[in-house]
N, C-alpha and C. Protein backbone atom coordinates (compact mmCIF):
# COMPACT_ATOMS: atom_id res chain seq x y z
N UNK A 1 -40.80 46.40 50.45
CA UNK A 1 -40.70 45.03 50.57
C UNK A 1 -41.76 44.79 51.59
N UNK A 2 -42.28 43.68 51.18
CA UNK A 2 -43.92 43.14 52.05
C UNK A 2 -43.20 41.65 52.55
N UNK A 3 -44.13 41.19 53.49
CA UNK A 3 -44.02 40.01 53.64
C UNK A 3 -45.24 39.09 52.73
N UNK A 4 -44.85 37.82 52.89
CA UNK A 4 -46.18 37.43 52.01
C UNK A 4 -47.63 37.42 52.35
N UNK A 5 -48.46 37.32 51.31
CA UNK A 5 -50.05 37.01 51.75
C UNK A 5 -50.06 36.18 52.60
N UNK A 6 -49.47 34.96 52.38
CA UNK A 6 -49.84 33.69 53.66
C UNK A 6 -49.50 34.09 54.94
N UNK A 7 -48.00 34.78 55.18
CA UNK A 7 -47.59 35.10 56.42
C UNK A 7 -48.25 36.18 56.97
N UNK A 8 -48.74 37.14 56.30
CA UNK A 8 -49.63 38.05 56.79
C UNK A 8 -51.30 37.65 57.18
N UNK A 9 -51.44 36.67 56.38
CA UNK A 9 -52.55 35.30 57.16
C UNK A 9 -52.58 34.91 58.45
N UNK A 10 -51.34 34.33 58.13
CA UNK A 10 -50.70 33.64 59.77
C UNK A 10 -50.54 34.47 60.67
N UNK A 11 -50.23 35.78 60.52
CA UNK A 11 -49.84 36.64 61.32
C UNK A 11 -51.41 37.28 62.20
N UNK A 12 -52.19 37.35 61.40
CA UNK A 12 -53.58 38.01 61.86
C UNK A 12 -54.24 36.87 62.61
N UNK A 13 -53.97 35.39 62.19
CA UNK A 13 -54.82 34.31 62.83
C UNK A 13 -53.97 34.35 64.16
N UNK A 14 -52.95 34.22 64.50
CA UNK A 14 -51.94 34.07 65.36
C UNK A 14 -52.72 35.62 66.65
N UNK A 15 -52.63 36.53 65.85
CA UNK A 15 -53.19 37.52 66.59
C UNK A 15 -54.56 37.41 67.29
N UNK A 16 -55.53 36.72 66.31
CA UNK A 16 -56.99 36.48 66.74
C UNK A 16 -56.96 35.35 68.23
N UNK A 17 -55.84 34.43 67.68
CA UNK A 17 -55.94 33.27 68.81
C UNK A 17 -55.50 33.86 70.28
N UNK A 18 -54.17 34.58 70.07
CA UNK A 18 -53.94 35.21 71.26
C UNK A 18 -54.78 36.06 72.01
N UNK A 19 -55.60 36.65 71.02
CA UNK A 19 -56.66 37.95 72.02
C UNK A 19 -57.75 36.94 72.54
N UNK A 20 -58.17 35.52 72.13
CA UNK A 20 -58.97 35.22 72.44
C UNK A 20 -58.81 34.29 73.96
N UNK A 21 -57.50 33.67 73.57
CA UNK A 21 -57.56 32.84 75.06
C UNK A 21 -56.96 34.09 75.97
N UNK A 22 -56.30 35.22 76.13
CA UNK A 22 -56.66 36.40 76.58
C UNK A 22 -57.91 36.70 77.58
N UNK A 23 -58.89 36.93 76.38
CA UNK A 23 -60.11 37.18 76.96
C UNK A 23 -60.67 35.74 77.85
N UNK A 24 -60.37 34.76 77.64
CA UNK A 24 -61.04 33.57 78.10
C UNK A 24 -60.27 33.12 79.49
N UNK A 25 -58.68 33.93 79.82
CA UNK A 25 -58.25 33.69 80.83
C UNK A 25 -57.70 32.47 80.84
N UNK A 26 -57.32 31.87 79.37
CA UNK A 26 -56.55 30.62 79.84
C UNK A 26 -55.20 30.45 78.91
N UNK A 27 -54.32 29.76 79.26
CA UNK A 27 -52.97 29.66 78.98
C UNK A 27 -53.04 29.17 77.31
N UNK A 28 -52.07 30.03 76.46
CA UNK A 28 -51.69 29.51 75.39
C UNK A 28 -49.89 29.34 74.96
N UNK A 29 -49.93 28.14 74.14
CA UNK A 29 -48.66 27.84 74.09
C UNK A 29 -48.84 28.08 72.36
N UNK A 30 -47.86 28.83 71.89
CA UNK A 30 -47.51 28.23 70.18
C UNK A 30 -46.15 28.82 70.18
N UNK A 31 -45.80 28.32 68.64
CA UNK A 31 -44.50 28.47 68.41
C UNK A 31 -43.27 27.43 69.05
N UNK A 32 -43.81 26.24 68.87
CA UNK A 32 -42.58 25.18 69.79
C UNK A 32 -41.81 25.35 68.75
N UNK A 33 -40.69 24.79 69.39
CA UNK A 33 -39.37 24.77 68.40
C UNK A 33 -39.41 23.93 67.38
N UNK A 34 -40.22 22.60 67.51
CA UNK A 34 -40.62 22.15 66.31
C UNK A 34 -41.97 21.62 65.90
N UNK A 35 -42.41 22.00 64.90
CA UNK A 35 -43.63 21.84 64.76
C UNK A 35 -44.37 20.88 63.90
N UNK A 36 -44.45 19.28 64.57
CA UNK A 36 -45.45 18.36 64.06
C UNK A 36 -46.87 18.19 64.07
N UNK A 37 -46.91 19.33 63.20
CA UNK A 37 -48.72 18.98 62.78
C UNK A 37 -49.62 19.99 63.68
N UNK A 38 -48.81 20.44 64.68
CA UNK A 38 -50.38 21.19 65.91
C UNK A 38 -49.16 22.43 65.95
N UNK A 39 -50.09 23.74 65.75
CA UNK A 39 -49.56 24.80 66.38
C UNK A 39 -49.58 25.57 67.67
N UNK A 40 -50.40 24.86 68.21
CA UNK A 40 -50.16 25.23 69.70
C UNK A 40 -51.44 24.27 70.55
N UNK A 41 -51.47 25.25 71.73
CA UNK A 41 -52.33 24.38 72.78
C UNK A 41 -52.97 25.09 73.70
N UNK A 42 -54.03 25.13 73.93
CA UNK A 42 -54.81 25.81 75.24
C UNK A 42 -54.78 25.11 76.53
N UNK A 43 -54.87 25.82 77.56
CA UNK A 43 -55.05 25.09 78.62
C UNK A 43 -55.64 25.98 79.40
N UNK A 44 -56.46 25.54 80.42
CA UNK A 44 -57.34 26.24 81.37
C UNK A 44 -56.08 26.55 82.71
N UNK A 45 -56.24 27.42 83.61
CA UNK A 45 -55.64 27.76 85.01
C UNK A 45 -56.50 27.71 85.70
N UNK A 46 -56.00 27.09 87.08
CA UNK A 46 -56.96 27.15 88.35
C UNK A 46 -55.73 27.79 89.32
N UNK A 47 -56.66 28.24 90.14
CA UNK A 47 -55.83 28.58 91.51
C UNK A 47 -55.79 27.70 92.77
N UNK A 48 -54.54 27.54 93.11
CA UNK A 48 -54.57 26.53 94.21
C UNK A 48 -53.73 27.37 95.19
N UNK A 49 -54.21 27.68 96.12
CA UNK A 49 -54.08 28.57 97.39
C UNK A 49 -53.72 29.99 96.92
N UNK A 50 -52.35 30.65 96.61
CA UNK A 50 -52.35 31.82 95.91
C UNK A 50 -51.56 31.82 95.00
N UNK A 51 -51.28 30.06 94.35
CA UNK A 51 -50.68 29.98 92.77
C UNK A 51 -51.83 29.78 92.07
N UNK A 52 -51.44 29.98 90.66
CA UNK A 52 -51.94 29.85 89.17
C UNK A 52 -51.40 28.56 89.14
N UNK A 53 -52.05 27.82 88.39
CA UNK A 53 -51.23 26.37 87.57
C UNK A 53 -52.07 25.97 86.66
N UNK A 54 -51.47 25.65 85.81
CA UNK A 54 -52.20 24.89 84.67
C UNK A 54 -53.11 23.92 85.46
N UNK A 55 -54.30 23.59 84.44
CA UNK A 55 -55.31 22.53 85.13
C UNK A 55 -54.94 21.52 84.55
N UNK A 56 -54.09 21.19 83.74
CA UNK A 56 -53.64 19.62 83.36
C UNK A 56 -54.60 19.41 81.93
N UNK A 57 -55.30 19.57 81.64
CA UNK A 57 -56.38 19.41 80.80
C UNK A 57 -56.33 20.21 79.18
N UNK A 58 -55.08 20.13 78.73
CA UNK A 58 -54.74 20.75 77.87
C UNK A 58 -55.75 20.50 76.41
N UNK A 59 -55.88 21.22 75.34
CA UNK A 59 -56.45 21.10 73.82
C UNK A 59 -55.61 21.64 72.86
N UNK A 60 -55.08 20.33 72.26
CA UNK A 60 -54.33 21.15 70.93
C UNK A 60 -55.19 21.42 69.81
N UNK A 61 -54.36 22.42 69.17
CA UNK A 61 -54.84 22.59 67.92
C UNK A 61 -54.32 23.03 66.55
N UNK A 62 -54.68 22.93 65.66
CA UNK A 62 -54.19 23.11 64.22
C UNK A 62 -54.52 24.52 63.79
N UNK A 63 -54.04 25.36 63.42
CA UNK A 63 -54.64 26.98 62.94
C UNK A 63 -54.03 26.91 61.27
N UNK A 64 -55.35 27.20 60.88
CA UNK A 64 -55.37 27.68 59.27
C UNK A 64 -56.40 28.97 59.23
N UNK A 65 -55.84 29.61 58.05
CA UNK A 65 -56.55 30.98 57.67
C UNK A 65 -56.35 30.86 55.91
N UNK A 66 -57.82 31.26 55.52
CA UNK A 66 -58.29 31.22 54.44
C UNK A 66 -59.06 32.26 54.04
N UNK A 67 -59.04 33.02 52.84
CA UNK A 67 -60.19 33.74 52.01
C UNK A 67 -61.06 33.03 51.14
N UNK A 68 -60.34 31.77 50.98
CA UNK A 68 -61.31 30.93 50.00
C UNK A 68 -62.04 29.72 50.70
N UNK A 69 -63.32 30.44 51.40
CA UNK A 69 -64.58 29.58 52.19
C UNK A 69 -65.55 30.05 51.92
N UNK A 70 -66.57 29.40 52.06
CA UNK A 70 -68.30 29.63 51.63
C UNK A 70 -68.82 29.39 53.09
N UNK A 71 -70.12 30.04 53.25
CA UNK A 71 -70.95 30.10 53.86
C UNK A 71 -72.34 30.13 53.70
N UNK A 72 -73.51 29.04 54.39
CA UNK A 72 -74.88 29.01 54.45
C UNK A 72 -74.88 29.44 55.74
N UNK A 73 -76.47 29.06 55.99
CA UNK A 73 -76.99 29.96 57.38
C UNK A 73 -76.31 28.88 58.39
N UNK A 74 -75.87 27.74 58.59
CA UNK A 74 -75.48 26.97 59.45
C UNK A 74 -74.02 26.45 59.43
N UNK A 75 -73.42 26.71 58.35
CA UNK A 75 -72.18 26.10 58.11
C UNK A 75 -71.18 27.00 57.48
N UNK A 76 -69.65 26.79 57.49
CA UNK A 76 -68.61 27.48 57.15
C UNK A 76 -68.09 26.26 55.98
N UNK A 77 -68.12 26.26 55.08
CA UNK A 77 -67.36 25.21 54.12
C UNK A 77 -65.62 25.37 53.87
N UNK A 78 -65.24 24.58 53.92
CA UNK A 78 -63.98 24.51 53.35
C UNK A 78 -62.98 23.67 52.89
N UNK A 79 -61.94 23.45 52.03
CA UNK A 79 -61.35 22.40 51.87
C UNK A 79 -60.34 22.43 52.67
N UNK A 80 -60.15 21.67 53.56
CA UNK A 80 -58.86 21.45 53.99
C UNK A 80 -57.45 20.08 53.13
N UNK A 81 -56.23 20.63 53.70
CA UNK A 81 -55.47 19.54 52.76
C UNK A 81 -55.44 18.37 53.62
N UNK A 82 -55.52 17.22 52.73
CA UNK A 82 -55.68 15.72 53.42
C UNK A 82 -54.79 15.51 54.52
N UNK A 83 -53.33 16.18 54.31
CA UNK A 83 -52.34 15.60 55.11
C UNK A 83 -52.65 16.19 56.91
N UNK A 84 -53.24 17.48 56.35
CA UNK A 84 -53.97 17.85 57.90
C UNK A 84 -55.06 17.01 58.43
N UNK A 85 -56.07 17.14 57.73
CA UNK A 85 -56.97 16.45 57.99
C UNK A 85 -56.80 15.27 58.75
N UNK A 86 -55.77 14.21 57.87
CA UNK A 86 -55.14 13.07 58.63
C UNK A 86 -54.77 13.27 59.90
N UNK A 87 -54.21 14.25 60.32
CA UNK A 87 -52.99 14.50 61.54
C UNK A 87 -54.29 14.66 62.66
N UNK A 88 -55.59 15.34 62.04
CA UNK A 88 -56.58 15.64 63.18
C UNK A 88 -57.30 14.66 63.75
N UNK A 89 -57.56 13.52 62.40
CA UNK A 89 -58.46 12.16 62.56
C UNK A 89 -57.94 11.31 63.29
N UNK A 90 -56.68 11.10 62.99
CA UNK A 90 -55.80 10.08 63.41
C UNK A 90 -55.39 9.95 64.89
N UNK A 91 -55.27 10.74 65.45
CA UNK A 91 -55.12 10.80 67.31
C UNK A 91 -55.97 9.79 67.57
N UNK A 92 -55.00 9.12 68.83
CA UNK A 92 -55.44 8.39 69.29
C UNK A 92 -56.79 8.69 70.48
N UNK A 93 -57.80 8.25 70.82
CA UNK A 93 -59.08 8.41 71.13
C UNK A 93 -58.76 9.08 72.95
N UNK A 94 -57.38 8.33 73.31
CA UNK A 94 -56.99 8.83 74.88
C UNK A 94 -55.99 10.10 74.78
N UNK A 95 -55.40 10.19 73.68
CA UNK A 95 -54.72 11.36 73.67
C UNK A 95 -55.13 12.76 74.16
N UNK A 96 -54.53 13.85 74.22
CA UNK A 96 -54.93 14.96 74.01
C UNK A 96 -56.18 15.36 73.04
N UNK A 97 -57.05 15.85 73.01
CA UNK A 97 -57.70 16.22 71.96
C UNK A 97 -57.58 17.23 71.16
N UNK A 98 -57.61 17.46 69.85
CA UNK A 98 -56.94 18.51 69.03
C UNK A 98 -58.09 18.62 68.14
N UNK A 99 -58.33 19.99 67.61
CA UNK A 99 -59.04 21.00 66.89
C UNK A 99 -58.44 21.69 66.32
N UNK A 100 -59.44 22.06 65.20
CA UNK A 100 -59.22 22.96 64.15
C UNK A 100 -59.40 24.03 64.30
N UNK A 101 -58.78 25.57 64.22
CA UNK A 101 -59.05 26.61 64.09
C UNK A 101 -58.85 27.44 62.91
N UNK A 102 -59.81 27.92 62.39
CA UNK A 102 -59.83 28.44 60.81
C UNK A 102 -60.33 29.61 60.97
N UNK A 103 -59.45 30.51 60.35
CA UNK A 103 -59.84 31.84 60.54
C UNK A 103 -60.06 32.23 58.85
N UNK A 104 -61.51 32.96 59.10
CA UNK A 104 -61.92 33.11 57.75
C UNK A 104 -61.53 34.72 57.42
N UNK A 105 -61.29 34.95 56.32
CA UNK A 105 -60.54 36.32 56.17
C UNK A 105 -61.84 36.75 54.81
N UNK A 106 -62.18 38.16 54.43
CA UNK A 106 -62.34 38.72 53.36
C UNK A 106 -61.60 38.11 52.23
N UNK A 107 -61.99 38.35 50.86
CA UNK A 107 -61.01 37.74 49.91
C UNK A 107 -60.62 39.54 49.60
N UNK A 108 -60.70 40.61 50.02
CA UNK A 108 -60.16 41.66 49.88
C UNK A 108 -58.96 41.75 51.02
N UNK A 109 -58.11 41.79 50.58
CA UNK A 109 -57.25 42.26 52.19
C UNK A 109 -57.18 43.16 52.38
N UNK A 110 -57.60 44.48 51.77
CA UNK A 110 -57.85 45.98 52.26
C UNK A 110 -58.94 45.53 53.69
N UNK A 111 -59.67 44.51 53.52
CA UNK A 111 -60.86 44.46 54.64
C UNK A 111 -60.60 43.75 55.67
N UNK A 112 -59.40 43.01 55.92
CA UNK A 112 -58.97 42.12 56.61
C UNK A 112 -58.67 42.52 58.52
N UNK A 113 -58.32 44.09 58.38
CA UNK A 113 -58.32 44.64 59.49
C UNK A 113 -58.42 45.95 59.97
N UNK A 114 -59.39 46.49 60.62
CA UNK A 114 -59.43 48.06 60.40
C UNK A 114 -59.00 48.48 62.28
N UNK A 115 -58.15 49.79 62.45
CA UNK A 115 -57.90 49.97 63.52
C UNK A 115 -58.41 51.13 63.65
N UNK A 116 -58.84 51.53 64.67
CA UNK A 116 -59.04 53.35 64.99
C UNK A 116 -58.49 53.46 66.68
N UNK A 117 -58.71 54.67 66.85
CA UNK A 117 -58.63 54.67 68.37
C UNK A 117 -59.48 54.02 69.32
N UNK A 118 -60.74 53.83 69.03
CA UNK A 118 -61.33 53.07 69.87
C UNK A 118 -61.55 51.57 69.48
N UNK A 119 -61.12 50.83 68.48
CA UNK A 119 -61.45 49.67 68.32
C UNK A 119 -60.32 49.08 67.40
N UNK A 120 -60.28 47.74 67.28
CA UNK A 120 -59.57 46.69 66.23
C UNK A 120 -60.50 45.91 65.96
N UNK A 121 -60.60 45.93 64.73
CA UNK A 121 -61.69 45.24 64.20
C UNK A 121 -60.67 44.39 62.92
N UNK A 122 -60.98 43.06 63.65
CA UNK A 122 -60.54 41.63 62.63
C UNK A 122 -61.59 40.99 61.76
N UNK A 123 -61.64 41.25 60.58
CA UNK A 123 -62.80 40.45 59.62
C UNK A 123 -62.13 39.35 59.15
N UNK A 124 -62.85 38.22 59.01
CA UNK A 124 -64.21 38.04 59.61
C UNK A 124 -63.69 37.02 61.00
N UNK A 125 -63.57 36.35 61.14
CA UNK A 125 -63.39 35.48 62.62
C UNK A 125 -62.76 34.15 62.40
N UNK A 126 -62.68 33.41 63.63
CA UNK A 126 -62.11 31.84 63.48
C UNK A 126 -63.45 31.13 63.95
N UNK A 127 -63.48 29.86 63.27
CA UNK A 127 -64.19 28.80 64.15
C UNK A 127 -63.50 27.77 64.13
N UNK A 128 -63.81 26.62 64.93
CA UNK A 128 -63.29 25.80 65.28
C UNK A 128 -64.30 24.46 65.24
N UNK A 129 -63.26 23.30 65.25
CA UNK A 129 -64.09 21.97 64.83
C UNK A 129 -63.31 20.80 65.32
N UNK A 130 -63.76 19.63 66.19
CA UNK A 130 -63.11 18.55 66.29
C UNK A 130 -63.47 17.40 65.01
N UNK A 131 -62.51 17.28 64.06
CA UNK A 131 -62.92 16.06 63.05
C UNK A 131 -62.72 14.92 63.77
N UNK A 132 -63.26 14.21 63.10
CA UNK A 132 -63.56 12.59 63.36
C UNK A 132 -63.70 11.83 61.63
N UNK A 133 -63.55 11.00 61.47
CA UNK A 133 -63.79 9.79 60.45
C UNK A 133 -62.30 9.26 60.21
N UNK A 134 -63.03 8.64 59.10
CA UNK A 134 -61.75 7.82 58.42
C UNK A 134 -60.44 8.73 58.01
N UNK A 135 -59.17 8.33 58.21
CA UNK A 135 -58.45 8.89 57.38
C UNK A 135 -58.23 9.01 55.76
N UNK A 136 -57.77 9.61 54.98
CA UNK A 136 -57.90 9.67 53.87
C UNK A 136 -56.75 8.70 53.20
N UNK A 137 -56.75 7.90 52.14
CA UNK A 137 -55.41 7.28 51.56
C UNK A 137 -54.34 8.31 51.19
N UNK A 138 -54.54 9.32 50.40
CA UNK A 138 -54.29 10.28 49.71
C UNK A 138 -53.64 11.48 50.71
N UNK A 139 -52.53 12.17 50.68
CA UNK A 139 -51.92 13.03 51.56
C UNK A 139 -51.93 14.43 50.57
N UNK A 140 -52.05 14.24 49.57
CA UNK A 140 -51.94 15.29 48.62
C UNK A 140 -52.93 15.59 47.91
N UNK A 141 -54.27 15.81 48.56
CA UNK A 141 -55.27 16.49 47.95
C UNK A 141 -56.06 17.63 48.87
N UNK A 142 -57.42 17.35 48.85
CA UNK A 142 -57.98 18.29 49.59
C UNK A 142 -59.35 17.78 50.03
N UNK A 143 -60.09 17.73 51.38
CA UNK A 143 -61.05 17.50 51.61
C UNK A 143 -61.71 18.26 51.82
N UNK A 144 -63.47 18.43 51.32
CA UNK A 144 -64.25 19.62 51.95
C UNK A 144 -65.11 19.31 53.12
N UNK A 145 -64.79 20.22 54.42
CA UNK A 145 -65.11 19.96 55.66
C UNK A 145 -66.19 21.14 55.83
N UNK A 146 -67.40 20.93 56.66
CA UNK A 146 -68.21 22.30 57.24
C UNK A 146 -67.92 22.26 58.87
N UNK A 147 -67.83 23.43 59.03
CA UNK A 147 -67.40 23.88 60.85
C UNK A 147 -69.06 24.51 61.14
N UNK A 148 -69.70 23.95 62.13
CA UNK A 148 -70.47 24.56 62.64
C UNK A 148 -70.41 26.12 62.69
N UNK A 149 -71.50 27.04 62.33
CA UNK A 149 -71.11 28.67 62.76
C UNK A 149 -71.20 28.93 64.02
N UNK A 150 -71.89 28.17 64.80
CA UNK A 150 -72.38 28.12 66.21
C UNK A 150 -70.99 28.09 67.07
N UNK A 151 -69.50 27.42 65.98
CA UNK A 151 -68.66 27.07 66.75
C UNK A 151 -67.84 28.44 66.47
N UNK A 152 -67.82 29.45 66.62
CA UNK A 152 -67.24 30.79 66.57
C UNK A 152 -65.94 30.51 67.87
N UNK A 153 -65.03 30.82 67.32
CA UNK A 153 -64.04 30.98 68.33
C UNK A 153 -63.96 32.26 69.05
N UNK A 154 -64.55 32.40 70.57
CA UNK A 154 -64.44 33.50 71.34
C UNK A 154 -64.65 32.92 73.06
N UNK A 155 -64.57 33.72 73.56
CA UNK A 155 -64.00 33.51 74.96
C UNK A 155 -64.68 32.18 75.73
N UNK A 156 -66.05 32.52 75.31
CA UNK A 156 -67.32 31.52 76.19
C UNK A 156 -66.95 30.13 75.43
N UNK A 157 -66.89 29.80 74.16
CA UNK A 157 -66.67 28.76 73.34
C UNK A 157 -65.56 28.30 73.59
N UNK A 158 -64.60 28.88 73.89
CA UNK A 158 -62.95 28.52 74.49
C UNK A 158 -63.00 27.80 75.42
N UNK A 159 -63.64 28.56 76.41
CA UNK A 159 -63.98 28.28 77.83
C UNK A 159 -64.92 26.68 77.87
N UNK A 160 -65.98 26.84 77.19
CA UNK A 160 -66.80 25.75 76.83
C UNK A 160 -66.17 24.29 76.11
N UNK A 161 -65.40 24.98 75.25
CA UNK A 161 -64.20 23.76 74.65
C UNK A 161 -63.40 22.84 75.47
N UNK A 162 -62.69 23.45 76.31
CA UNK A 162 -61.78 23.09 77.43
C UNK A 162 -62.46 22.21 78.57
N UNK A 163 -63.48 22.77 78.84
CA UNK A 163 -64.30 21.88 79.81
C UNK A 163 -65.14 20.58 79.19
N UNK A 164 -65.29 20.60 78.09
CA UNK A 164 -65.65 19.47 77.26
C UNK A 164 -64.47 18.26 77.26
N UNK A 165 -63.57 19.21 76.93
CA UNK A 165 -62.23 18.26 76.65
C UNK A 165 -61.72 17.53 78.05
N UNK A 166 -62.01 18.47 79.28
CA UNK A 166 -61.90 18.28 80.60
C UNK A 166 -62.87 16.68 81.02
N UNK A 167 -64.01 16.44 80.54
CA UNK A 167 -64.99 16.15 81.09
C UNK A 167 -64.66 14.59 79.89
N UNK A 168 -64.28 14.81 78.69
CA UNK A 168 -64.01 13.82 77.68
C UNK A 168 -62.52 13.01 78.17
N UNK A 169 -61.58 13.56 78.61
CA UNK A 169 -60.47 13.17 79.46
C UNK A 169 -60.60 12.21 80.69
N UNK A 170 -61.71 12.82 81.26
CA UNK A 170 -62.07 12.15 83.04
C UNK A 170 -62.70 11.04 82.60
N UNK A 171 -63.77 11.03 81.74
CA UNK A 171 -64.83 9.98 81.12
C UNK A 171 -63.94 8.83 80.54
N UNK A 172 -62.79 9.08 79.88
CA UNK A 172 -62.50 8.15 79.26
C UNK A 172 -61.47 7.25 80.32
N UNK A 173 -60.86 7.87 81.06
CA UNK A 173 -59.80 7.38 82.22
C UNK A 173 -60.67 6.80 83.66
N UNK A 174 -61.91 6.83 83.82
CA UNK A 174 -62.53 6.46 84.69
C UNK A 174 -62.82 4.37 84.52
């Protein structure tokens, strides 16, 4: 007996996000008791005296995983469910920011993960984007989106995204 393909995709995408958060030295919250459209939250950590505490500027994320995506020189194209798209674009400007994290997998399941004594290799990777625009009137369709390939979810880009969220929130409340 095996878990479903969807659950395997979810497990791999969650493992990737955990690894990036650890490499970026940021706090990660996932697996809330109730999931209302967002899968988790990243938050920076600062040192105050001898204590390490959350910095108070979290960034929510919706985590998706797919093998059904395309790429050109500059963007990843993917069809997002409009209900998920609406969750991301209807957030109030003064609220905690939210991003979409998309793990792009090869279509061949045997290529998703390779483990040796020297490495763990995830194929392909995660990208992230902050979506904006008008919500869609129907929530039972899909919408084609593009994510810049420069938005690779790695430690440096995650730290930069958290810094951008901190700056956005500080600027908003001045």
